[in-house]
PDB file of N, CA and C in Angstrom:
ATOM      1  N   GLY A   1       0.234  11.866  -9.946  1.00  0.00           N
ATOM      2  CA  GLY A   1       1.265  11.451 -10.873  1.00  0.00           C
ATOM      3  C   GLY A   1       1.927  12.630 -11.527  1.00  0.00           C
ATOM      4  N   GLU A   2       2.917  12.333 -12.333  1.00  0.00           N
ATOM      5  CA  GLU A   2       3.690  13.371 -13.006  1.00  0.00           C
ATOM      6  C   GLU A   2       2.817  14.179 -13.943  1.00  0.00           C
ATOM      7  N   GLY A   3       2.873  15.508 -13.828  1.00  0.00           N
ATOM      8  CA  GLY A   3       2.142  16.394 -14.708  1.00  0.00           C
ATOM      9  C   GLY A   3       0.659  16.463 -14.455  1.00  0.00           C
ATOM     10  N   GLU A   4       0.170  15.885 -13.364  1.00  0.00           N
ATOM     11  CA  GLU A   4      -1.261  15.910 -13.108  1.00  0.00           C
ATOM     12  C   GLU A   4      -1.694  17.276 -12.610  1.00  0.00           C
ATOM     13  N   GLY A   5      -2.950  17.606 -12.863  1.00  0.00           N
ATOM     14  CA  GLY A   5      -3.506  18.862 -12.390  1.00  0.00           C
ATOM     15  C   GLY A   5      -4.650  19.289 -13.276  1.00  0.00           C
ATOM     16  N   GLU A   6      -4.986  20.555 -13.153  1.00  0.00           N
ATOM     17  CA  GLU A   6      -6.054  21.113 -13.969  1.00  0.00           C
ATOM     18  C   GLU A   6      -5.708  22.535 -14.314  1.00  0.00           C
ATOM     19  N   GLY A   7      -6.252  23.005 -15.418  1.00  0.00           N
ATOM     20  CA  GLY A   7      -5.995  24.369 -15.847  1.00  0.00           C
ATOM     21  C   GLY A   7      -7.199  24.942 -16.552  1.00  0.00           C
ATOM     22  N   PRO A   8      -7.596  26.147 -16.151  1.00  0.00           N
ATOM     23  CA  PRO A   8      -8.705  26.806 -16.836  1.00  0.00           C
ATOM     24  C   PRO A   8      -8.253  27.376 -18.175  1.00  0.00           C
ATOM     25  N   ALA A   9      -9.171  27.419 -19.115  1.00  0.00           N
ATOM     26  CA  ALA A   9      -8.942  28.052 -20.407  1.00  0.00           C
ATOM     27  C   ALA A   9     -10.021  29.093 -20.608  1.00  0.00           C
ATOM     28  N   GLY A  10      -9.624  30.277 -21.028  1.00  0.00           N
ATOM     29  CA  GLY A  10     -10.604  31.328 -21.256  1.00  0.00           C
ATOM     30  C   GLY A  10      -9.967  32.649 -21.591  1.00  0.00           C
ATOM     31  N   ASN A  11     -10.809  33.646 -21.748  1.00  0.00           N
ATOM     32  CA  ASN A  11     -10.388  35.000 -22.048  1.00  0.00           C
ATOM     33  C   ASN A  11     -10.081  35.727 -20.742  1.00  0.00           C
ATOM     34  N   ARG A  12      -9.476  36.895 -20.815  1.00  0.00           N
ATOM     35  CA  ARG A  12      -9.263  37.695 -19.595  1.00  0.00           C
ATOM     36  C   ARG A  12     -10.619  38.086 -19.024  1.00  0.00           C
ATOM     37  N   ASP A  13     -10.739  37.992 -17.685  1.00  0.00           N
ATOM     38  CA  ASP A  13     -11.999  38.450 -17.097  1.00  0.00           C
ATOM     39  C   ASP A  13     -11.916  39.961 -16.883  1.00  0.00           C
ATOM     40  N   GLY A  14     -12.989  40.573 -16.410  1.00  0.00           N
ATOM     41  CA  GLY A  14     -13.039  42.025 -16.237  1.00  0.00           C
ATOM     42  C   GLY A  14     -11.948  42.563 -15.333  1.00  0.00           C
ATOM     43  N   GLY A  15     -11.454  41.761 -14.375  1.00  0.00           N
ATOM     44  CA  GLY A  15     -10.410  42.203 -13.460  1.00  0.00           C
ATOM     45  C   GLY A  15      -9.010  41.955 -13.970  1.00  0.00           C
ATOM     46  N   GLY A  16      -8.900  41.416 -15.172  1.00  0.00           N
ATOM     47  CA  GLY A  16      -7.586  41.182 -15.753  1.00  0.00           C
ATOM     48  C   GLY A  16      -6.989  39.825 -15.409  1.00  0.00           C
ATOM     49  N   ALA A  17      -7.708  39.010 -14.612  1.00  0.00           N
ATOM     50  CA  ALA A  17      -7.189  37.689 -14.266  1.00  0.00           C
ATOM     51  C   ALA A  17      -7.245  36.788 -15.492  1.00  0.00           C
ATOM     52  N   MET A  18      -6.294  35.856 -15.572  1.00  0.00           N
ATOM     53  CA  MET A  18      -6.229  34.977 -16.725  1.00  0.00           C
ATOM     54  C   MET A  18      -6.187  33.524 -16.273  1.00  0.00           C
ATOM     55  N   GLY A  19      -6.669  32.643 -17.127  1.00  0.00           N
ATOM     56  CA  GLY A  19      -6.534  31.217 -16.907  1.00  0.00           C
ATOM     57  C   GLY A  19      -5.158  30.755 -17.332  1.00  0.00           C
ATOM     58  N   ASP A  20      -4.921  29.457 -17.246  1.00  0.00           N
ATOM     59  CA  ASP A  20      -3.653  28.888 -17.679  1.00  0.00           C
ATOM     60  C   ASP A  20      -3.497  28.963 -19.189  1.00  0.00           C
ATOM     61  N   VAL A  21      -4.611  28.865 -19.898  1.00  0.00           N
ATOM     62  CA  VAL A  21      -4.617  28.998 -21.352  1.00  0.00           C
ATOM     63  C   VAL A  21      -5.456  30.229 -21.667  1.00  0.00           C
ATOM     64  N   VAL A  22      -4.839  31.256 -22.246  1.00  0.00           N
ATOM     65  CA  VAL A  22      -5.536  32.505 -22.534  1.00  0.00           C
ATOM     66  C   VAL A  22      -5.935  32.524 -24.002  1.00  0.00           C
ATOM     67  N   LEU A  23      -7.216  32.718 -24.250  1.00  0.00           N
ATOM     68  CA  LEU A  23      -7.785  32.725 -25.586  1.00  0.00           C
ATOM     69  C   LEU A  23      -8.375  34.096 -25.854  1.00  0.00           C
ATOM     70  N   ASN A  24      -7.757  34.862 -26.714  1.00  0.00           N
ATOM     71  CA  ASN A  24      -8.212  36.220 -26.987  1.00  0.00           C
ATOM     72  C   ASN A  24      -9.195  36.247 -28.139  1.00  0.00           C
ATOM     73  N   ALA A  25     -10.458  36.031 -27.806  1.00  0.00           N
ATOM     74  CA  ALA A  25     -11.532  36.077 -28.788  1.00  0.00           C
ATOM     75  C   ALA A  25     -12.796  36.549 -28.088  1.00  0.00           C
ATOM     76  N   GLU A  26     -13.613  37.300 -28.803  1.00  0.00           N
ATOM     77  CA  GLU A  26     -14.831  37.855 -28.205  1.00  0.00           C
ATOM     78  C   GLU A  26     -15.817  36.789 -27.760  1.00  0.00           C
ATOM     79  N   ASP A  27     -15.833  35.658 -28.446  1.00  0.00           N
ATOM     80  CA  ASP A  27     -16.822  34.624 -28.116  1.00  0.00           C
ATOM     81  C   ASP A  27     -16.272  33.571 -27.148  1.00  0.00           C
ATOM     82  N   VAL A  28     -15.169  33.871 -26.478  1.00  0.00           N
ATOM     83  CA  VAL A  28     -14.591  32.982 -25.472  1.00  0.00           C
ATOM     84  C   VAL A  28     -14.772  33.627 -24.108  1.00  0.00           C
ATOM     85  N   GLY A  29     -15.382  32.888 -23.171  1.00  0.00           N
ATOM     86  CA  GLY A  29     -15.626  33.410 -21.832  1.00  0.00           C
ATOM     87  C   GLY A  29     -14.361  33.432 -20.988  1.00  0.00           C
ATOM     88  N   ALA A  30     -14.409  34.166 -19.879  1.00  0.00           N
ATOM     89  CA  ALA A  30     -13.258  34.275 -18.978  1.00  0.00           C
ATOM     90  C   ALA A  30     -12.873  32.914 -18.417  1.00  0.00           C
ATOM     91  N   LYS A  31     -13.849  32.103 -18.091  1.00  0.00           N
ATOM     92  CA  LYS A  31     -13.602  30.734 -17.627  1.00  0.00           C
ATOM     93  C   LYS A  31     -14.409  29.811 -18.526  1.00  0.00           C
ATOM     94  N   HIS A  32     -13.936  29.667 -19.733  1.00  0.00           N
ATOM     95  CA  HIS A  32     -14.666  28.973 -20.792  1.00  0.00           C
ATOM     96  C   HIS A  32     -14.814  27.478 -20.495  1.00  0.00           C
ATOM     97  N   CYS A  33     -13.741  26.851 -20.029  1.00  0.00           N
ATOM     98  CA  CYS A  33     -13.752  25.428 -19.702  1.00  0.00           C
ATOM     99  C   CYS A  33     -12.526  25.128 -18.829  1.00  0.00           C
ATOM    100  N   THR A  34     -12.430  23.895 -18.372  1.00  0.00           N
ATOM    101  CA  THR A  34     -11.267  23.456 -17.602  1.00  0.00           C
ATOM    102  C   THR A  34     -10.791  22.142 -18.184  1.00  0.00           C
ATOM    103  N   ILE A  35      -9.466  21.978 -18.244  1.00  0.00           N
ATOM    104  CA  ILE A  35      -8.882  20.721 -18.712  1.00  0.00           C
ATOM    105  C   ILE A  35      -8.152  20.081 -17.546  1.00  0.00           C
ATOM    106  N   HIS A  36      -8.510  18.840 -17.245  1.00  0.00           N
ATOM    107  CA  HIS A  36      -7.905  18.090 -16.139  1.00  0.00           C
ATOM    108  C   HIS A  36      -6.976  17.018 -16.701  1.00  0.00           C
ATOM    109  N   ASN A  37      -5.885  16.771 -15.998  1.00  0.00           N
ATOM    110  CA  ASN A  37      -5.001  15.653 -16.301  1.00  0.00           C
ATOM    111  C   ASN A  37      -4.939  14.793 -15.049  1.00  0.00           C
ATOM    112  N   ARG A  38      -5.593  13.640 -15.092  1.00  0.00           N
ATOM    113  CA  ARG A  38      -5.622  12.717 -13.958  1.00  0.00           C
ATOM    114  C   ARG A  38      -5.245  11.327 -14.458  1.00  0.00           C
ATOM    115  N   GLY A  39      -4.213  10.752 -13.879  1.00  0.00           N
ATOM    116  CA  GLY A  39      -3.798   9.414 -14.284  1.00  0.00           C
ATOM    117  C   GLY A  39      -3.371   9.347 -15.739  1.00  0.00           C
ATOM    118  N   GLY A  40      -2.876  10.475 -16.271  1.00  0.00           N
ATOM    119  CA  GLY A  40      -2.446  10.505 -17.663  1.00  0.00           C
ATOM    120  C   GLY A  40      -3.568  10.655 -18.663  1.00  0.00           C
ATOM    121  N   VAL A  41      -4.802  10.856 -18.178  1.00  0.00           N
ATOM    122  CA  VAL A  41      -5.957  11.041 -19.062  1.00  0.00           C
ATOM    123  C   VAL A  41      -6.377  12.503 -19.009  1.00  0.00           C
ATOM    124  N   LEU A  42      -6.434  13.139 -20.179  1.00  0.00           N
ATOM    125  CA  LEU A  42      -6.897  14.521 -20.272  1.00  0.00           C
ATOM    126  C   LEU A  42      -8.403  14.524 -20.463  1.00  0.00           C
ATOM    127  N   ARG A  43      -9.090  15.374 -19.680  1.00  0.00           N
ATOM    128  CA  ARG A  43     -10.539  15.519 -19.817  1.00  0.00           C
ATOM    129  C   ARG A  43     -10.881  16.996 -19.862  1.00  0.00           C
ATOM    130  N   LEU A  44     -11.768  17.348 -20.768  1.00  0.00           N
ATOM    131  CA  LEU A  44     -12.244  18.714 -20.894  1.00  0.00           C
ATOM    132  C   LEU A  44     -13.595  18.817 -20.199  1.00  0.00           C
ATOM    133  N   TYR A  45     -13.711  19.777 -19.305  1.00  0.00           N
ATOM    134  CA  TYR A  45     -14.969  20.059 -18.608  1.00  0.00           C
ATOM    135  C   TYR A  45     -15.512  21.375 -19.165  1.00  0.00           C
ATOM    136  N   ALA A  46     -16.546  21.271 -19.978  1.00  0.00           N
ATOM    137  CA  ALA A  46     -17.177  22.454 -20.562  1.00  0.00           C
ATOM    138  C   ALA A  46     -17.939  23.195 -19.469  1.00  0.00           C
ATOM    139  N   ARG A  47     -18.261  24.444 -19.740  1.00  0.00           N
ATOM    140  CA  ARG A  47     -19.071  25.230 -18.806  1.00  0.00           C
ATOM    141  C   ARG A  47     -20.328  25.688 -19.519  1.00  0.00           C
ATOM    142  N   ASP A  48     -21.422  25.730 -18.756  1.00  0.00           N
ATOM    143  CA  ASP A  48     -22.690  26.183 -19.328  1.00  0.00           C
ATOM    144  C   ASP A  48     -22.528  27.565 -19.938  1.00  0.00           C
ATOM    145  N   GLY A  49     -23.153  27.763 -21.079  1.00  0.00           N
ATOM    146  CA  GLY A  49     -23.149  29.064 -21.728  1.00  0.00           C
ATOM    147  C   GLY A  49     -21.928  29.336 -22.583  1.00  0.00           C
ATOM    148  N   HIS A  50     -21.002  28.391 -22.665  1.00  0.00           N
ATOM    149  CA  HIS A  50     -19.790  28.567 -23.473  1.00  0.00           C
ATOM    150  C   HIS A  50     -19.672  27.404 -24.442  1.00  0.00           C
ATOM    151  N   ARG A  51     -19.627  27.723 -25.725  1.00  0.00           N
ATOM    152  CA  ARG A  51     -19.572  26.682 -26.760  1.00  0.00           C
ATOM    153  C   ARG A  51     -18.140  26.170 -26.912  1.00  0.00           C
ATOM    154  N   THR A  52     -17.979  24.862 -26.727  1.00  0.00           N
ATOM    155  CA  THR A  52     -16.697  24.186 -26.908  1.00  0.00           C
ATOM    156  C   THR A  52     -16.974  22.895 -27.670  1.00  0.00           C
ATOM    157  N   PHE A  53     -16.216  22.674 -28.735  1.00  0.00           N
ATOM    158  CA  PHE A  53     -16.393  21.484 -29.562  1.00  0.00           C
ATOM    159  C   PHE A  53     -15.145  20.620 -29.487  1.00  0.00           C
ATOM    160  N   VAL A  54     -15.334  19.310 -29.432  1.00  0.00           N
ATOM    161  CA  VAL A  54     -14.229  18.357 -29.488  1.00  0.00           C
ATOM    162  C   VAL A  54     -14.504  17.440 -30.670  1.00  0.00           C
ATOM    163  N   ASN A  55     -13.611  17.469 -31.643  1.00  0.00           N
ATOM    164  CA  ASN A  55     -13.765  16.677 -32.869  1.00  0.00           C
ATOM    165  C   ASN A  55     -15.141  16.876 -33.513  1.00  0.00           C
ATOM    166  N   GLY A  56     -15.596  18.135 -33.524  1.00  0.00           N
ATOM    167  CA  GLY A  56     -16.849  18.489 -34.184  1.00  0.00           C
ATOM    168  C   GLY A  56     -18.097  18.309 -33.351  1.00  0.00           C
ATOM    169  N   GLU A  57     -17.987  17.735 -32.160  1.00  0.00           N
ATOM    170  CA  GLU A  57     -19.152  17.511 -31.293  1.00  0.00           C
ATOM    171  C   GLU A  57     -19.185  18.555 -30.179  1.00  0.00           C
ATOM    172  N   LEU A  58     -20.349  19.130 -29.943  1.00  0.00           N
ATOM    173  CA  LEU A  58     -20.505  20.111 -28.874  1.00  0.00           C
ATOM    174  C   LEU A  58     -20.315  19.431 -27.527  1.00  0.00           C
ATOM    175  N   ALA A  59     -19.389  19.939 -26.719  1.00  0.00           N
ATOM    176  CA  ALA A  59     -19.138  19.379 -25.386  1.00  0.00           C
ATOM    177  C   ALA A  59     -20.250  19.813 -24.444  1.00  0.00           C
ATOM    178  N   SER A  60     -20.631  18.918 -23.559  1.00  0.00           N
ATOM    179  CA  SER A  60     -21.693  19.171 -22.594  1.00  0.00           C
ATOM    180  C   SER A  60     -21.087  19.530 -21.237  1.00  0.00           C
ATOM    181  N   ALA A  61     -21.735  20.439 -20.528  1.00  0.00           N
ATOM    182  CA  ALA A  61     -21.276  20.795 -19.177  1.00  0.00           C
ATOM    183  C   ALA A  61     -21.553  19.660 -18.195  1.00  0.00           C
ATOM    184  N   GLN A  62     -22.441  18.739 -18.549  1.00  0.00           N
ATOM    185  CA  GLN A  62     -22.798  17.655 -17.638  1.00  0.00           C
ATOM    186  C   GLN A  62     -21.881  16.437 -17.755  1.00  0.00           C
ATOM    187  N   LEU A  63     -21.131  16.331 -18.850  1.00  0.00           N
ATOM    188  CA  LEU A  63     -20.314  15.140 -19.073  1.00  0.00           C
ATOM    189  C   LEU A  63     -18.945  15.534 -19.613  1.00  0.00           C
ATOM    190  N   PRO A  64     -17.859  15.271 -18.859  1.00  0.00           N
ATOM    191  CA  PRO A  64     -16.522  15.617 -19.361  1.00  0.00           C
ATOM    192  C   PRO A  64     -16.175  14.794 -20.598  1.00  0.00           C
ATOM    193  N   VAL A  65     -15.319  15.351 -21.443  1.00  0.00           N
ATOM    194  CA  VAL A  65     -14.913  14.696 -22.683  1.00  0.00           C
ATOM    195  C   VAL A  65     -13.441  14.319 -22.575  1.00  0.00           C
ATOM    196  N   ALA A  66     -13.123  13.040 -22.799  1.00  0.00           N
ATOM    197  CA  ALA A  66     -11.722  12.604 -22.815  1.00  0.00           C
ATOM    198  C   ALA A  66     -11.065  13.160 -24.078  1.00  0.00           C
ATOM    199  N   LEU A  67      -9.866  13.708 -23.919  1.00  0.00           N
ATOM    200  CA  LEU A  67      -9.118  14.271 -25.045  1.00  0.00           C
ATOM    201  C   LEU A  67      -7.985  13.322 -25.412  1.00  0.00           C
ATOM    202  N   SER A  68      -8.065  12.741 -26.591  1.00  0.00           N
ATOM    203  CA  SER A  68      -7.007  11.861 -27.048  1.00  0.00           C
ATOM    204  C   SER A  68      -5.996  12.663 -27.871  1.00  0.00           C
ATOM    205  N   ASN A  69      -4.840  12.093 -28.069  1.00  0.00           N
ATOM    206  CA  ASN A  69      -3.809  12.749 -28.857  1.00  0.00           C
ATOM    207  C   ASN A  69      -4.346  13.023 -30.260  1.00  0.00           C
ATOM    208  N   GLY A  70      -4.185  14.254 -30.731  1.00  0.00           N
ATOM    209  CA  GLY A  70      -4.661  14.643 -32.053  1.00  0.00           C
ATOM    210  C   GLY A  70      -6.075  15.175 -32.085  1.00  0.00           C
ATOM    211  N   ALA A  71      -6.771  15.174 -30.929  1.00  0.00           N
ATOM    212  CA  ALA A  71      -8.141  15.691 -30.891  1.00  0.00           C
ATOM    213  C   ALA A  71      -8.153  17.161 -31.296  1.00  0.00           C
ATOM    214  N   ARG A  72      -9.209  17.565 -31.974  1.00  0.00           N
ATOM    215  CA  ARG A  72      -9.379  18.962 -32.389  1.00  0.00           C
ATOM    216  C   ARG A  72     -10.378  19.621 -31.449  1.00  0.00           C
ATOM    217  N   VAL A  73      -9.956  20.704 -30.800  1.00  0.00           N
ATOM    218  CA  VAL A  73     -10.811  21.433 -29.858  1.00  0.00           C
ATOM    219  C   VAL A  73     -11.054  22.824 -30.414  1.00  0.00           C
ATOM    220  N   VAL A  74     -12.318  23.245 -30.412  1.00  0.00           N
ATOM    221  CA  VAL A  74     -12.683  24.592 -30.850  1.00  0.00           C
ATOM    222  C   VAL A  74     -13.362  25.283 -29.681  1.00  0.00           C
ATOM    223  N   PHE A  75     -12.790  26.404 -29.260  1.00  0.00           N
ATOM    224  CA  PHE A  75     -13.344  27.239 -28.193  1.00  0.00           C
ATOM    225  C   PHE A  75     -14.124  28.355 -28.858  1.00  0.00           C
ATOM    226  N   GLY A  76     -15.403  28.500 -28.535  1.00  0.00           N
ATOM    227  CA  GLY A  76     -16.235  29.486 -29.215  1.00  0.00           C
ATOM    228  C   GLY A  76     -16.401  29.078 -30.667  1.00  0.00           C
ATOM    229  N   GLU A  77     -16.223  30.025 -31.566  1.00  0.00           N
ATOM    230  CA  GLU A  77     -16.371  29.733 -32.998  1.00  0.00           C
ATOM    231  C   GLU A  77     -15.058  29.785 -33.768  1.00  0.00           C
ATOM    232  N   HIS A  78     -14.002  30.394 -33.173  1.00  0.00           N
ATOM    233  CA  HIS A  78     -12.817  30.686 -33.981  1.00  0.00           C
ATOM    234  C   HIS A  78     -11.478  30.273 -33.402  1.00  0.00           C
ATOM    235  N   CYS A  79     -11.432  29.745 -32.194  1.00  0.00           N
ATOM    236  CA  CYS A  79     -10.155  29.352 -31.583  1.00  0.00           C
ATOM    237  C   CYS A  79      -9.979  27.845 -31.724  1.00  0.00           C
ATOM    238  N   PHE A  80      -9.134  27.449 -32.664  1.00  0.00           N
ATOM    239  CA  PHE A  80      -8.918  26.038 -32.970  1.00  0.00           C
ATOM    240  C   PHE A  80      -7.613  25.563 -32.349  1.00  0.00           C
ATOM    241  N   PHE A  81      -7.643  24.389 -31.730  1.00  0.00           N
ATOM    242  CA  PHE A  81      -6.445  23.799 -31.131  1.00  0.00           C
ATOM    243  C   PHE A  81      -6.404  22.310 -31.433  1.00  0.00           C
ATOM    244  N   ARG A  82      -5.205  21.794 -31.525  1.00  0.00           N
ATOM    245  CA  ARG A  82      -4.986  20.356 -31.664  1.00  0.00           C
ATOM    246  C   ARG A  82      -4.311  19.878 -30.383  1.00  0.00           C
ATOM    247  N   VAL A  83      -4.790  18.794 -29.799  1.00  0.00           N
ATOM    248  CA  VAL A  83      -4.251  18.252 -28.549  1.00  0.00           C
ATOM    249  C   VAL A  83      -3.035  17.391 -28.858  1.00  0.00           C
ATOM    250  N   TRP A  84      -1.933  17.684 -28.174  1.00  0.00           N
ATOM    251  CA  TRP A  84      -0.733  16.847 -28.245  1.00  0.00           C
ATOM    252  C   TRP A  84      -0.396  16.454 -26.826  1.00  0.00           C
ATOM    253  N   HIS A  85      -0.661  15.214 -26.482  1.00  0.00           N
ATOM    254  CA  HIS A  85      -0.431  14.698 -25.131  1.00  0.00           C
ATOM    255  C   HIS A  85       0.928  14.001 -25.133  1.00  0.00           C
ATOM    256  N   PRO A  86       1.934  14.569 -24.454  1.00  0.00           N
ATOM    257  CA  PRO A  86       3.302  14.021 -24.517  1.00  0.00           C
ATOM    258  C   PRO A  86       3.401  12.537 -24.191  1.00  0.00           C
ATOM    259  N   ALA A  87       2.670  12.070 -23.192  1.00  0.00           N
ATOM    260  CA  ALA A  87       2.746  10.653 -22.820  1.00  0.00           C
ATOM    261  C   ALA A  87       2.217   9.770 -23.946  1.00  0.00           C
ATOM    262  N   GLN A  88       1.134  10.181 -24.600  1.00  0.00           N
ATOM    263  CA  GLN A  88       0.576   9.396 -25.691  1.00  0.00           C
ATOM    264  C   GLN A  88       1.489   9.421 -26.911  1.00  0.00           C
ATOM    265  N   VAL A  89       2.144  10.563 -27.158  1.00  0.00           N
ATOM    266  CA  VAL A  89       3.086  10.653 -28.272  1.00  0.00           C
ATOM    267  C   VAL A  89       4.251   9.706 -28.036  1.00  0.00           C
ATOM    268  N   ARG A  90       4.790   9.670 -26.805  1.00  0.00           N
ATOM    269  CA  ARG A  90       5.895   8.758 -26.492  1.00  0.00           C
ATOM    270  C   ARG A  90       5.495   7.309 -26.724  1.00  0.00           C
ATOM    271  N   LEU A  91       4.278   6.937 -26.317  1.00  0.00           N
ATOM    272  CA  LEU A  91       3.814   5.568 -26.524  1.00  0.00           C
ATOM    273  C   LEU A  91       3.705   5.237 -28.010  1.00  0.00           C
ATOM    274  N   GLN A  92       3.189   6.170 -28.801  1.00  0.00           N
ATOM    275  CA  GLN A  92       3.011   5.936 -30.218  1.00  0.00           C
ATOM    276  C   GLN A  92       4.344   5.817 -30.935  1.00  0.00           C
ATOM    277  N   CYS A  93       5.373   6.470 -30.424  1.00  0.00           N
ATOM    278  CA  CYS A  93       6.673   6.485 -31.081  1.00  0.00           C
ATOM    279  C   CYS A  93       7.666   5.489 -30.495  1.00  0.00           C
ATOM    280  N   SER A  94       7.274   4.731 -29.496  1.00  0.00           N
ATOM    281  CA  SER A  94       8.202   3.793 -28.862  1.00  0.00           C
ATOM    282  C   SER A  94       8.432   2.590 -29.757  1.00  0.00           C
ATOM    283  N   PRO A  95       9.631   1.955 -29.666  1.00  0.00           N
ATOM    284  CA  PRO A  95       9.922   0.773 -30.489  1.00  0.00           C
ATOM    285  C   PRO A  95       8.871  -0.317 -30.260  1.00  0.00           C
ATOM    286  N   GLY A  96       8.439  -0.927 -31.326  1.00  0.00           N
ATOM    287  CA  GLY A  96       7.465  -2.004 -31.247  1.00  0.00           C
ATOM    288  C   GLY A  96       6.024  -1.536 -31.169  1.00  0.00           C
ATOM    289  N   SER A  97       5.797  -0.214 -31.131  1.00  0.00           N
ATOM    290  CA  SER A  97       4.422   0.282 -31.021  1.00  0.00           C
ATOM    291  C   SER A  97       3.738   0.376 -32.376  1.00  0.00           C
ATOM    292  N   GLY A  98       4.548   0.334 -33.434  1.00  0.00           N
ATOM    293  CA  GLY A  98       3.979   0.496 -34.768  1.00  0.00           C
ATOM    294  C   GLY A  98       3.840   1.945 -35.162  1.00  0.00           C
ATOM    295  N   GLY A  99       4.188   2.857 -34.231  1.00  0.00           N
ATOM    296  CA  GLY A  99       4.106   4.283 -34.529  1.00  0.00           C
ATOM    297  C   GLY A  99       5.332   4.762 -35.284  1.00  0.00           C
ATOM    298  N   ASN A 100       5.227   5.919 -35.877  1.00  0.00           N
ATOM    299  CA  ASN A 100       6.355   6.514 -36.596  1.00  0.00           C
ATOM    300  C   ASN A 100       7.265   7.246 -35.645  1.00  0.00           C
ATOM    301  N   ARG A 101       8.512   7.310 -35.983  1.00  0.00           N
ATOM    302  CA  ARG A 101       9.479   8.071 -35.185  1.00  0.00           C
ATOM    303  C   ARG A 101       9.749   9.381 -35.839  1.00  0.00           C
TER     304      ARG A 101
END
């Protein structure tokens, strides 16, 4: 579907390669996690040895975490992000949805 795919998030690795989302922090690994977009659903796949929190809960490498619009993601201890999923924002703001414009 439209916009589907996956993208790694992490710091620069020793060879200078970068993920799709570059996080410049000492406690962020080169391939810290991966975010997939399949069927309009965003999922975060944590990696062993790298701390990633979603809405205050430590993400597990064994179980992907669905990312909803407005979710708070923390990579390591200091990289904070808020998830804004364009498709979910459009739904929330569409006439009759009860969302704000």
